[in-house]
Protein backbone atom coordinates (compact mmCIF):
# COMPACT_ATOMS: atom_id res chain seq x y z
CA MET A 1 -92.18 -30.03 238.96
CA THR A 2 -88.86 -30.30 237.46
CA THR A 3 -90.05 -29.47 234.01
CA THR A 4 -91.72 -26.16 235.11
CA ILE A 5 -88.55 -24.77 236.93
CA PHE A 6 -86.62 -25.63 233.74
CA LEU A 7 -89.28 -23.87 231.83
CA ALA A 8 -88.97 -20.81 233.99
CA ALA A 9 -85.30 -20.73 233.93
CA GLN A 10 -85.47 -20.71 230.26
CA ALA A 11 -88.12 -17.96 230.19
CA ALA A 12 -85.71 -15.97 232.38
CA GLN A 13 -82.63 -16.45 230.03
CA ASN A 14 -84.55 -15.47 227.17
CA GLY A 15 -85.82 -12.33 228.62
CA GLY A 16 -82.55 -11.35 229.81
CA GLY A 17 -81.19 -11.05 226.18
CA MET A 18 -83.41 -8.16 225.49
CA GLY A 19 -82.31 -6.35 228.99
CA PHE A 20 -78.47 -7.17 228.12
CA MET A 21 -78.99 -5.66 224.73
CA VAL A 22 -80.50 -2.30 226.42
CA MET A 23 -77.78 -2.35 228.89
CA MET A 24 -74.54 -2.77 225.86
CA ILE A 25 -76.66 0.29 223.91
CA ALA A 26 -76.75 2.40 227.24
CA ILE A 27 -72.90 1.48 227.57
CA PHE A 28 -71.92 2.87 223.92
CA ALA A 29 -73.80 5.78 224.18
CA ILE A 30 -72.11 6.70 227.58
CA MET A 31 -68.93 6.13 226.15
CA TYR A 32 -69.76 8.07 223.04
CA PHE A 33 -70.53 11.22 225.15
CA LEU A 34 -67.97 10.92 227.55
CA MET A 35 -65.06 9.93 225.12
CA ILE A 36 -65.44 9.90 221.48
CA ARG A 37 -67.37 13.09 220.99
CA PRO A 38 -65.07 15.18 223.21
CA GLN A 39 -62.05 13.91 221.11
CA GLN A 40 -63.54 14.67 217.88
CA LYS A 41 -64.29 18.24 219.10
CA ARG A 42 -60.54 18.78 220.04
CA GLN A 43 -59.50 17.12 216.74
CA LYS A 44 -61.90 19.87 214.54
CA GLU A 45 -60.25 22.70 217.07
CA ILE A 46 -56.54 21.33 216.06
CA GLN A 47 -57.48 21.35 212.30
CA LYS A 48 -59.05 24.71 212.68
CA PHE A 49 -55.96 26.45 214.28
CA GLN A 50 -53.92 24.46 211.87
CA ASN A 51 -55.58 25.96 208.83
CA GLN A 52 -55.49 29.71 210.49
CA LEU A 53 -51.66 29.44 211.06
CA THR A 54 -49.99 32.69 210.10
CA GLU A 55 -46.63 33.96 210.54
CA GLY A 56 -45.45 34.79 214.20
CA THR A 57 -47.92 32.39 215.80
CA PRO A 58 -46.45 30.68 219.03
CA VAL A 59 -46.60 27.00 218.34
CA VAL A 60 -45.58 23.68 219.88
CA THR A 61 -44.79 20.79 217.55
CA GLY A 62 -45.56 17.19 217.84
CA GLY A 63 -42.00 16.51 219.25
CA GLY A 64 -42.35 19.18 222.04
CA ILE A 65 -40.42 21.92 220.57
CA TYR A 66 -41.99 25.52 221.37
CA GLY A 67 -41.18 28.12 218.54
CA THR A 68 -42.97 30.48 216.43
CA VAL A 69 -44.09 30.20 212.81
CA LYS A 70 -41.70 31.98 210.20
CA SER A 71 -43.24 30.76 206.98
CA ILE A 72 -46.19 28.41 205.82
CA ASP A 73 -45.93 26.51 202.48
CA LEU A 74 -49.21 25.34 201.72
CA ALA A 75 -48.51 23.52 198.47
CA GLN A 76 -46.19 21.18 200.46
CA ASN A 77 -47.81 21.21 203.86
CA LYS A 78 -44.92 22.31 205.82
CA VAL A 79 -44.16 24.93 208.23
CA GLU A 80 -41.14 26.65 209.14
CA VAL A 81 -40.66 27.23 212.97
CA LYS A 82 -38.04 29.47 214.35
CA ILE A 83 -36.88 27.82 217.60
CA ALA A 84 -33.92 30.13 218.41
CA ARG A 85 -32.03 33.10 217.09
CA ASP A 86 -30.85 31.96 213.65
CA VAL A 87 -32.42 28.43 213.86
CA VAL A 88 -35.26 27.49 211.85
CA ILE A 89 -36.65 23.97 211.53
CA THR A 90 -39.48 22.75 208.87
CA VAL A 91 -42.10 20.39 210.05
CA ASP A 92 -45.19 19.12 208.63
CA LYS A 93 -48.09 21.34 209.18
CA ASN A 94 -50.22 18.43 211.11
CA SER A 95 -47.73 18.37 213.57
CA VAL A 96 -47.86 21.86 214.79
CA PHE A 97 -50.35 22.72 217.69
CA LYS A 98 -51.24 25.68 219.77
CA ASP A 99 -48.71 26.73 222.36
CA MET A 100 -51.12 26.91 225.57
CA ALA A 101 -48.16 28.49 227.42
CA SER A 102 -47.89 31.75 225.71
CA MET A 103 -51.65 32.13 226.05
CA PRO A 104 -52.54 34.59 228.67
CA MET A 105 -54.30 33.22 231.87
CA GLN A 106 -58.36 33.61 231.57
CA GLN A 107 -60.19 34.81 234.89
CA LYS A 108 -63.39 33.22 235.56
């Protein structure tokens, strides 16, 4: 009697391994579609914006400084940002992001 209970318990444990594996794959798929994929899309949009920078574009630096692009140096990957009258700072092109505050509100 105890042998059959022991064998039944072992069979239940062995079958549970496959269910666990399926659940782990499902959790990874959910994490990918809810977290990883949207972040990758945002990164591509930011990269596209940085590659299409032009003079006069309103931007925000990685440090939170608002300004407009004064000039772009592609050779050194630098951008000069005008933040006030007669005040220009030089920042790395990768630390410049789209200024959403200056964008017109879209109506649905």
